[in-house]
Amino acid sequence: MNKKNAVRRMLAVAVVTIAAGGVQAHAAEAGTVSRFYLVEVAPAQDQAFQAGMKTWLKCLHEHADTRNLWAWSAETGDLGRYVFESDTKTWAGIDERNPAGKACSGDFNTGIMPHISKAMSWVAQDMPKLSHVDAKGGIPAYVFVANIKLKPGQGPAFEEALGKFAAAANKIKWDGYWFTQQVVAGGHGAPDYNMVWPNKSWAEIGQDPNPSAKAMMESAYGKAGAAANRKQYLDAIEHSWSSIYSYDKELSYIPAK
């Protein structure tokens, strides 16, 4: 996977325009649906929490659960946070109940729940036309996540600006990869969008794409257009924050092939 800390520059300076007729906000297709769970675990409870997770995951394997569950551990911000992504694929997939879930509920309730101090959940839809992804795929070692809260009524303007940037990045096969998710029903204070940059290492997080986002877009579409789209993007945002997470293989569940 690839890069990069373009998030800081893109949020601050570098989301720039392509010519009129680019991707419109209402045309941003919704893709795969995932359900996310964020849990907080006190330091004194972390060892017991991890042990409980491993027991529960063992039970899922024994009962041949069919759904992926990817685990991510916070590396920055408030530590002691884990994010789990359940691969539901579609909205209808959230309704599906796997027999393993019932069979392993006892392990979950006794081995995991007592060690969680806080939990929250949301649903996210991938937004392919607001993303620029690496076709090689794979699970990255780290993800740099920018959480974005928009001003009221600014969704169309934001999606239009980001869609134009994504269309340009895809056109030249830029090496600054990211994917965008729209957050649905995240609760009070939740972001409206998450932008996620996959990375192989901390060194890659600190490495800038080449060319830079700003240089790339200004070269392709001119400074005036770049400035206009940058302004539209930034004006749509109420506030944003970011975190880095590492992939936790031991706390993830990948069904047997």
C-alpha atoms as a PDB file:
ATOM      1  CA  MET A   1       0.000   0.000   0.000  1.00  0.00           C
ATOM      2  CA  ASN A   2       1.068   3.582  -0.179  1.00  0.00           C
ATOM      3  CA  LYS A   3       1.250   6.872   1.299  1.00  0.00           C
ATOM      4  CA  LYS A   4       1.205   9.477   2.720  1.00  0.00           C
ATOM      5  CA  ASN A   5       1.018  12.430   5.001  1.00  0.00           C
ATOM      6  CA  ALA A   6      -0.598  14.330   2.138  1.00  0.00           C
ATOM      7  CA  VAL A   7      -3.528  14.604   4.506  1.00  0.00           C
ATOM      8  CA  ARG A   8      -2.018  17.586   6.278  1.00  0.00           C
ATOM      9  CA  ARG A   9      -1.273  19.401   3.074  1.00  0.00           C
ATOM     10  CA  MET A  10      -4.538  18.443   1.446  1.00  0.00           C
ATOM     11  CA  LEU A  11      -6.593  19.629   4.387  1.00  0.00           C
ATOM     12  CA  ALA A  12      -4.531  22.790   4.613  1.00  0.00           C
ATOM     13  CA  VAL A  13      -3.550  23.783   1.104  1.00  0.00           C
ATOM     14  CA  ALA A  14      -3.693  21.263  -1.632  1.00  0.00           C
ATOM     15  CA  VAL A  15      -7.158  20.175  -2.682  1.00  0.00           C
ATOM     16  CA  VAL A  16      -7.324  21.787  -6.087  1.00  0.00           C
ATOM     17  CA  THR A  17      -9.594  21.816  -9.046  1.00  0.00           C
ATOM     18  CA  ILE A  18      -9.969  20.177 -12.395  1.00  0.00           C
ATOM     19  CA  ALA A  19     -11.814  21.757 -15.263  1.00  0.00           C
ATOM     20  CA  ALA A  20     -15.595  22.202 -15.279  1.00  0.00           C
ATOM     21  CA  GLY A  21     -17.444  19.006 -16.016  1.00  0.00           C
ATOM     22  CA  GLY A  22     -15.629  16.927 -13.393  1.00  0.00           C
ATOM     23  CA  VAL A  23     -17.266  14.624 -10.880  1.00  0.00           C
ATOM     24  CA  GLN A  24     -20.348  16.244  -9.322  1.00  0.00           C
ATOM     25  CA  ALA A  25     -21.270  15.738  -5.669  1.00  0.00           C
ATOM     26  CA  HIS A  26     -24.521  13.957  -6.353  1.00  0.00           C
ATOM     27  CA  ALA A  27     -22.695  11.484  -8.589  1.00  0.00           C
ATOM     28  CA  ALA A  28     -20.372  10.213  -5.875  1.00  0.00           C
ATOM     29  CA  GLU A  29     -21.200   6.517  -5.908  1.00  0.00           C
ATOM     30  CA  ALA A  30     -21.676   4.629  -2.682  1.00  0.00           C
ATOM     31  CA  GLY A  31     -19.724   1.398  -2.471  1.00  0.00           C
ATOM     32  CA  THR A  32     -19.101  -1.283   0.136  1.00  0.00           C
ATOM     33  CA  VAL A  33     -20.787  -0.887   3.513  1.00  0.00           C
ATOM     34  CA  SER A  34     -18.936  -1.693   6.746  1.00  0.00           C
ATOM     35  CA  ARG A  35     -19.930  -1.515  10.372  1.00  0.00           C
ATOM     36  CA  PHE A  36     -17.390  -0.108  12.807  1.00  0.00           C
ATOM     37  CA  TYR A  37     -17.014  -0.468  16.558  1.00  0.00           C
ATOM     38  CA  LEU A  38     -14.710   1.743  18.631  1.00  0.00           C
ATOM     39  CA  VAL A  39     -13.954   0.534  22.146  1.00  0.00           C
ATOM     40  CA  GLU A  40     -11.895   2.071  24.910  1.00  0.00           C
ATOM     41  CA  VAL A  41      -9.985  -0.167  27.312  1.00  0.00           C
ATOM     42  CA  ALA A  42      -8.301   1.061  30.484  1.00  0.00           C
ATOM     43  CA  PRO A  43      -4.579   0.197  30.672  1.00  0.00           C
ATOM     44  CA  ALA A  44      -5.121  -2.129  33.628  1.00  0.00           C
ATOM     45  CA  GLN A  45      -7.738  -4.040  31.636  1.00  0.00           C
ATOM     46  CA  ASP A  46      -5.878  -4.293  28.340  1.00  0.00           C
ATOM     47  CA  GLN A  47      -4.205  -7.654  28.929  1.00  0.00           C
ATOM     48  CA  ALA A  48      -7.483  -9.250  30.013  1.00  0.00           C
ATOM     49  CA  PHE A  49      -9.310  -7.641  27.089  1.00  0.00           C
ATOM     50  CA  GLN A  50      -6.843  -9.055  24.576  1.00  0.00           C
ATOM     51  CA  ALA A  51      -7.015 -12.495  26.164  1.00  0.00           C
ATOM     52  CA  GLY A  52     -10.807 -12.390  25.997  1.00  0.00           C
ATOM     53  CA  MET A  53     -10.693 -11.330  22.355  1.00  0.00           C
ATOM     54  CA  LYS A  54      -8.419 -14.222  21.443  1.00  0.00           C
ATOM     55  CA  THR A  55     -10.709 -16.720  23.169  1.00  0.00           C
ATOM     56  CA  TRP A  56     -13.727 -15.314  21.336  1.00  0.00           C
ATOM     57  CA  LEU A  57     -11.928 -15.334  17.972  1.00  0.00           C
ATOM     58  CA  LYS A  58     -10.919 -18.954  18.551  1.00  0.00           C
ATOM     59  CA  CYS A  59     -14.594 -19.763  19.043  1.00  0.00           C
ATOM     60  CA  LEU A  60     -15.476 -17.975  15.796  1.00  0.00           C
ATOM     61  CA  HIS A  61     -12.921 -20.101  13.933  1.00  0.00           C
ATOM     62  CA  GLU A  62     -14.259 -23.276  15.506  1.00  0.00           C
ATOM     63  CA  HIS A  63     -17.772 -22.382  14.325  1.00  0.00           C
ATOM     64  CA  ALA A  64     -16.603 -21.241  10.867  1.00  0.00           C
ATOM     65  CA  ASP A  65     -17.836 -17.664  11.027  1.00  0.00           C
ATOM     66  CA  THR A  66     -17.829 -16.252   7.505  1.00  0.00           C
ATOM     67  CA  ARG A  67     -17.379 -12.513   8.046  1.00  0.00           C
ATOM     68  CA  ASN A  68     -14.058 -10.643   8.199  1.00  0.00           C
ATOM     69  CA  LEU A  69     -13.322  -8.560  11.279  1.00  0.00           C
ATOM     70  CA  TRP A  70     -10.298  -6.272  11.078  1.00  0.00           C
ATOM     71  CA  ALA A  71      -8.792  -4.823  14.263  1.00  0.00           C
ATOM     72  CA  TRP A  72      -6.934  -1.523  14.514  1.00  0.00           C
ATOM     73  CA  SER A  73      -5.101  -0.192  17.570  1.00  0.00           C
ATOM     74  CA  ALA A  74      -4.646   3.538  18.228  1.00  0.00           C
ATOM     75  CA  GLU A  75      -1.056   4.756  17.903  1.00  0.00           C
ATOM     76  CA  THR A  76      -1.801   8.469  18.462  1.00  0.00           C
ATOM     77  CA  GLY A  77      -4.455  10.487  20.233  1.00  0.00           C
ATOM     78  CA  ASP A  78      -6.162   8.806  23.170  1.00  0.00           C
ATOM     79  CA  LEU A  79      -4.484   5.431  23.537  1.00  0.00           C
ATOM     80  CA  GLY A  80      -6.311   2.330  24.695  1.00  0.00           C
ATOM     81  CA  ARG A  81      -8.689   2.572  21.742  1.00  0.00           C
ATOM     82  CA  TYR A  82      -9.427  -0.226  19.318  1.00  0.00           C
ATOM     83  CA  VAL A  83     -11.462   0.047  16.134  1.00  0.00           C
ATOM     84  CA  PHE A  84     -13.019  -3.098  14.701  1.00  0.00           C
ATOM     85  CA  GLU A  85     -14.374  -3.169  11.149  1.00  0.00           C
ATOM     86  CA  SER A  86     -16.995  -5.777  10.306  1.00  0.00           C
ATOM     87  CA  ASP A  87     -17.139  -6.542   6.605  1.00  0.00           C
ATOM     88  CA  THR A  88     -20.910  -6.467   6.011  1.00  0.00           C
ATOM     89  CA  LYS A  89     -20.476  -5.469   2.322  1.00  0.00           C
ATOM     90  CA  THR A  90     -24.069  -4.220   1.956  1.00  0.00           C
ATOM     91  CA  TRP A  91     -26.797  -2.741   4.125  1.00  0.00           C
ATOM     92  CA  ALA A  92     -28.630  -6.058   3.891  1.00  0.00           C
ATOM     93  CA  GLY A  93     -25.485  -7.763   5.145  1.00  0.00           C
ATOM     94  CA  ILE A  94     -25.913  -6.057   8.525  1.00  0.00           C
ATOM     95  CA  ASP A  95     -29.168  -7.985   8.942  1.00  0.00           C
ATOM     96  CA  GLU A  96     -27.490 -11.357   8.468  1.00  0.00           C
ATOM     97  CA  ARG A  97     -26.949 -13.426  11.606  1.00  0.00           C
ATOM     98  CA  ASN A  98     -24.206 -16.031  11.538  1.00  0.00           C
ATOM     99  CA  PRO A  99     -24.690 -19.095  13.792  1.00  0.00           C
ATOM    100  CA  ALA A 100     -21.208 -18.530  15.198  1.00  0.00           C
ATOM    101  CA  GLY A 101     -22.371 -15.260  16.707  1.00  0.00           C
ATOM    102  CA  LYS A 102     -24.865 -16.994  18.988  1.00  0.00           C
ATOM    103  CA  ALA A 103     -22.554 -19.911  19.755  1.00  0.00           C
ATOM    104  CA  CYS A 104     -19.749 -17.575  20.861  1.00  0.00           C
ATOM    105  CA  SER A 105     -21.840 -14.931  22.626  1.00  0.00           C
ATOM    106  CA  GLY A 106     -20.927 -16.352  26.038  1.00  0.00           C
ATOM    107  CA  ASP A 107     -17.208 -15.857  25.412  1.00  0.00           C
ATOM    108  CA  PHE A 108     -17.899 -12.324  24.215  1.00  0.00           C
ATOM    109  CA  ASN A 109     -20.066 -11.344  27.173  1.00  0.00           C
ATOM    110  CA  THR A 110     -17.797 -12.776  29.869  1.00  0.00           C
ATOM    111  CA  GLY A 111     -14.332 -12.370  28.338  1.00  0.00           C
ATOM    112  CA  ILE A 112     -14.585  -9.029  26.520  1.00  0.00           C
ATOM    113  CA  MET A 113     -17.416  -6.812  27.706  1.00  0.00           C
ATOM    114  CA  PRO A 114     -16.281  -6.483  31.355  1.00  0.00           C
ATOM    115  CA  HIS A 115     -12.982  -4.942  30.198  1.00  0.00           C
ATOM    116  CA  ILE A 116     -14.487  -2.236  27.953  1.00  0.00           C
ATOM    117  CA  SER A 117     -14.969   1.186  29.534  1.00  0.00           C
ATOM    118  CA  LYS A 118     -16.713   2.793  26.542  1.00  0.00           C
ATOM    119  CA  ALA A 119     -18.009   1.666  23.165  1.00  0.00           C
ATOM    120  CA  MET A 120     -19.581   3.285  20.120  1.00  0.00           C
ATOM    121  CA  SER A 121     -20.555   2.173  16.630  1.00  0.00           C
ATOM    122  CA  TRP A 122     -21.248   3.617  13.202  1.00  0.00           C
ATOM    123  CA  VAL A 123     -21.838   2.490   9.647  1.00  0.00           C
ATOM    124  CA  ALA A 124     -19.640   3.720   6.800  1.00  0.00           C
ATOM    125  CA  GLN A 125     -20.072   3.591   3.045  1.00  0.00           C
ATOM    126  CA  ASP A 126     -17.038   3.619   0.762  1.00  0.00           C
ATOM    127  CA  MET A 127     -17.163   6.497  -1.711  1.00  0.00           C
ATOM    128  CA  PRO A 128     -15.254   5.282  -4.799  1.00  0.00           C
ATOM    129  CA  LYS A 129     -15.505   8.560  -6.705  1.00  0.00           C
ATOM    130  CA  LEU A 130     -14.058  10.441  -3.761  1.00  0.00           C
ATOM    131  CA  SER A 131     -11.118   8.052  -3.472  1.00  0.00           C
ATOM    132  CA  HIS A 132      -7.845   7.119  -5.177  1.00  0.00           C
ATOM    133  CA  VAL A 133      -6.884   3.569  -4.245  1.00  0.00           C
ATOM    134  CA  ASP A 134      -3.989   1.234  -4.926  1.00  0.00           C
ATOM    135  CA  ALA A 135      -5.216  -1.557  -7.205  1.00  0.00           C
ATOM    136  CA  LYS A 136      -2.775  -3.997  -5.561  1.00  0.00           C
ATOM    137  CA  GLY A 137      -4.838  -3.954  -2.377  1.00  0.00           C
ATOM    138  CA  GLY A 138      -3.752  -5.694   0.804  1.00  0.00           C
ATOM    139  CA  ILE A 139      -4.009  -4.813   4.489  1.00  0.00           C
ATOM    140  CA  PRO A 140      -1.725  -1.884   5.405  1.00  0.00           C
ATOM    141  CA  ALA A 141       0.404  -1.898   8.535  1.00  0.00           C
ATOM    142  CA  TYR A 142      -0.817   1.601   9.430  1.00  0.00           C
ATOM    143  CA  VAL A 143      -3.620   3.932   8.457  1.00  0.00           C
ATOM    144  CA  PHE A 144      -3.651   7.700   8.816  1.00  0.00           C
ATOM    145  CA  VAL A 145      -7.281   8.675   9.361  1.00  0.00           C
ATOM    146  CA  ALA A 146      -8.627  12.211   8.902  1.00  0.00           C
ATOM    147  CA  ASN A 147     -12.074  12.710  10.436  1.00  0.00           C
ATOM    148  CA  ILE A 148     -14.008  15.553   8.839  1.00  0.00           C
ATOM    149  CA  LYS A 149     -17.052  17.395  10.181  1.00  0.00           C
ATOM    150  CA  LEU A 150     -18.799  19.642   7.678  1.00  0.00           C
ATOM    151  CA  LYS A 151     -20.700  22.863   8.117  1.00  0.00           C
ATOM    152  CA  PRO A 152     -24.480  22.443   7.756  1.00  0.00           C
ATOM    153  CA  GLY A 153     -25.547  22.077   4.145  1.00  0.00           C
ATOM    154  CA  GLN A 154     -22.001  21.807   2.785  1.00  0.00           C
ATOM    155  CA  GLY A 155     -22.055  18.118   1.802  1.00  0.00           C
ATOM    156  CA  PRO A 156     -22.558  18.740  -1.937  1.00  0.00           C
ATOM    157  CA  ALA A 157     -19.810  21.370  -2.076  1.00  0.00           C
ATOM    158  CA  PHE A 158     -17.380  19.151  -0.189  1.00  0.00           C
ATOM    159  CA  GLU A 159     -18.084  16.091  -2.346  1.00  0.00           C
ATOM    160  CA  GLU A 160     -17.740  18.116  -5.529  1.00  0.00           C
ATOM    161  CA  ALA A 161     -14.352  19.528  -4.489  1.00  0.00           C
ATOM    162  CA  LEU A 162     -12.979  16.203  -3.249  1.00  0.00           C
ATOM    163  CA  GLY A 163     -14.441  14.357  -6.248  1.00  0.00           C
ATOM    164  CA  LYS A 164     -12.579  16.642  -8.618  1.00  0.00           C
ATOM    165  CA  PHE A 165      -9.339  16.063  -6.742  1.00  0.00           C
ATOM    166  CA  ALA A 166      -9.851  12.298  -6.814  1.00  0.00           C
ATOM    167  CA  ALA A 167     -10.641  12.321 -10.529  1.00  0.00           C
ATOM    168  CA  ALA A 168      -7.385  14.147 -11.241  1.00  0.00           C
ATOM    169  CA  ALA A 169      -5.327  11.828  -9.005  1.00  0.00           C
ATOM    170  CA  ASN A 170      -6.805   8.770 -10.710  1.00  0.00           C
ATOM    171  CA  LYS A 171      -6.135  10.216 -14.145  1.00  0.00           C
ATOM    172  CA  ILE A 172      -2.374  10.587 -13.604  1.00  0.00           C
ATOM    173  CA  LYS A 173      -2.052   7.517 -11.309  1.00  0.00           C
ATOM    174  CA  TRP A 174      -0.731   9.673  -8.479  1.00  0.00           C
ATOM    175  CA  ASP A 175       1.134   7.804  -5.722  1.00  0.00           C
ATOM    176  CA  GLY A 176      -0.762   9.471  -2.844  1.00  0.00           C
ATOM    177  CA  TYR A 177      -3.438   6.826  -2.225  1.00  0.00           C
ATOM    178  CA  TRP A 178      -6.474   7.270   0.027  1.00  0.00           C
ATOM    179  CA  PHE A 179     -10.059   6.162   0.284  1.00  0.00           C
ATOM    180  CA  THR A 180     -13.054   8.099   1.561  1.00  0.00           C
ATOM    181  CA  GLN A 181     -15.934   6.806   3.645  1.00  0.00           C
ATOM    182  CA  GLN A 182     -19.198   8.565   4.438  1.00  0.00           C
ATOM    183  CA  VAL A 183     -20.196   8.062   8.067  1.00  0.00           C
ATOM    184  CA  VAL A 184     -23.837   7.126   8.627  1.00  0.00           C
ATOM    185  CA  ALA A 185     -25.538   7.326  12.034  1.00  0.00           C
ATOM    186  CA  GLY A 186     -22.336   7.896  13.966  1.00  0.00           C
ATOM    187  CA  GLY A 187     -24.037   9.616  16.885  1.00  0.00           C
ATOM    188  CA  HIS A 188     -23.543  13.030  18.458  1.00  0.00           C
ATOM    189  CA  GLY A 189     -20.234  14.616  17.506  1.00  0.00           C
ATOM    190  CA  ALA A 190     -19.324  11.978  14.902  1.00  0.00           C
ATOM    191  CA  PRO A 191     -17.554  13.039  11.695  1.00  0.00           C
ATOM    192  CA  ASP A 192     -19.394  13.169   8.399  1.00  0.00           C
ATOM    193  CA  TYR A 193     -16.524  11.674   6.376  1.00  0.00           C
ATOM    194  CA  ASN A 194     -13.353   9.730   7.067  1.00  0.00           C
ATOM    195  CA  MET A 195     -10.403   9.935   4.691  1.00  0.00           C
ATOM    196  CA  VAL A 196      -7.978   7.042   5.177  1.00  0.00           C
ATOM    197  CA  TRP A 197      -4.370   6.858   3.938  1.00  0.00           C
ATOM    198  CA  PRO A 198      -2.809   3.353   3.987  1.00  0.00           C
ATOM    199  CA  ASN A 199       0.892   3.107   4.849  1.00  0.00           C
ATOM    200  CA  LYS A 200       3.526   0.396   5.101  1.00  0.00           C
ATOM    201  CA  SER A 201       5.527   2.082   7.862  1.00  0.00           C
ATOM    202  CA  TRP A 202       6.029   5.216   9.921  1.00  0.00           C
ATOM    203  CA  ALA A 203       8.683   6.232   7.399  1.00  0.00           C
ATOM    204  CA  GLU A 204       6.079   6.124   4.662  1.00  0.00           C
ATOM    205  CA  ILE A 205       3.668   8.198   6.738  1.00  0.00           C
ATOM    206  CA  GLY A 206       6.331  10.894   6.875  1.00  0.00           C
ATOM    207  CA  GLN A 207       7.151  10.764   3.169  1.00  0.00           C
ATOM    208  CA  ASP A 208       5.516  13.241   0.805  1.00  0.00           C
ATOM    209  CA  PRO A 209       4.045  12.136  -2.520  1.00  0.00           C
ATOM    210  CA  ASN A 210       5.930  13.159  -5.626  1.00  0.00           C
ATOM    211  CA  PRO A 211       4.755  15.467  -7.070  1.00  0.00           C
ATOM    212  CA  SER A 212       3.079  17.148  -4.130  1.00  0.00           C
ATOM    213  CA  ALA A 213      -0.696  17.455  -4.317  1.00  0.00           C
ATOM    214  CA  LYS A 214      -0.482  21.209  -4.837  1.00  0.00           C
ATOM    215  CA  ALA A 215       2.233  21.023  -7.483  1.00  0.00           C
ATOM    216  CA  MET A 216       0.505  18.191  -9.325  1.00  0.00           C
ATOM    217  CA  MET A 217      -2.837  19.945  -9.559  1.00  0.00           C
ATOM    218  CA  GLU A 218      -1.538  23.392 -10.344  1.00  0.00           C
ATOM    219  CA  SER A 219       0.574  21.925 -13.129  1.00  0.00           C
ATOM    220  CA  ALA A 220      -2.393  20.111 -14.631  1.00  0.00           C
ATOM    221  CA  TYR A 221      -5.151  22.691 -14.173  1.00  0.00           C
ATOM    222  CA  GLY A 222      -3.637  26.043 -13.344  1.00  0.00           C
ATOM    223  CA  LYS A 223      -3.282  28.102 -10.196  1.00  0.00           C
ATOM    224  CA  ALA A 224      -6.630  29.910 -10.455  1.00  0.00           C
ATOM    225  CA  GLY A 225      -8.656  26.721 -10.711  1.00  0.00           C
ATOM    226  CA  ALA A 226      -6.580  25.144  -7.962  1.00  0.00           C
ATOM    227  CA  ALA A 227      -7.219  28.040  -5.619  1.00  0.00           C
ATOM    228  CA  ALA A 228     -10.964  28.039  -6.325  1.00  0.00           C
ATOM    229  CA  ASN A 229     -11.397  24.369  -5.528  1.00  0.00           C
ATOM    230  CA  ARG A 230      -9.143  24.603  -2.485  1.00  0.00           C
ATOM    231  CA  LYS A 231     -11.343  27.386  -1.137  1.00  0.00           C
ATOM    232  CA  GLN A 232     -14.534  25.424  -1.821  1.00  0.00           C
ATOM    233  CA  TYR A 233     -13.121  22.392   0.011  1.00  0.00           C
ATOM    234  CA  LEU A 234     -11.857  24.270   3.054  1.00  0.00           C
ATOM    235  CA  ASP A 235     -14.957  26.468   3.326  1.00  0.00           C
ATOM    236  CA  ALA A 236     -17.132  23.341   3.589  1.00  0.00           C
ATOM    237  CA  ILE A 237     -15.274  22.012   6.660  1.00  0.00           C
ATOM    238  CA  GLU A 238     -16.308  22.958  10.183  1.00  0.00           C
ATOM    239  CA  HIS A 239     -13.386  21.128  11.789  1.00  0.00           C
ATOM    240  CA  SER A 240     -11.190  18.073  11.324  1.00  0.00           C
ATOM    241  CA  TRP A 241      -8.901  15.879  13.408  1.00  0.00           C
ATOM    242  CA  SER A 242      -6.654  12.911  12.740  1.00  0.00           C
ATOM    243  CA  SER A 243      -5.255   9.726  14.248  1.00  0.00           C
ATOM    244  CA  ILE A 244      -2.895   6.915  13.266  1.00  0.00           C
ATOM    245  CA  TYR A 245      -3.872   3.281  13.801  1.00  0.00           C
ATOM    246  CA  SER A 246      -1.861   0.086  13.383  1.00  0.00           C
ATOM    247  CA  TYR A 247      -3.293  -3.184  12.108  1.00  0.00           C
ATOM    248  CA  ASP A 248      -3.618  -5.787  14.877  1.00  0.00           C
ATOM    249  CA  LYS A 249      -3.489  -9.197  13.219  1.00  0.00           C
ATOM    250  CA  GLU A 250      -3.888 -11.129  16.484  1.00  0.00           C
ATOM    251  CA  LEU A 251      -7.185  -9.407  17.272  1.00  0.00           C
ATOM    252  CA  SER A 252      -8.542  -9.723  13.711  1.00  0.00           C
ATOM    253  CA  TYR A 253     -10.650 -12.524  12.296  1.00  0.00           C
ATOM    254  CA  ILE A 254     -10.117 -13.753   8.746  1.00  0.00           C
ATOM    255  CA  PRO A 255     -12.288 -16.785   7.817  1.00  0.00           C
ATOM    256  CA  ALA A 256     -10.519 -19.919   6.692  1.00  0.00           C
ATOM    257  CA  LYS A 257     -10.473 -20.327   2.931  1.00  0.00           C
END
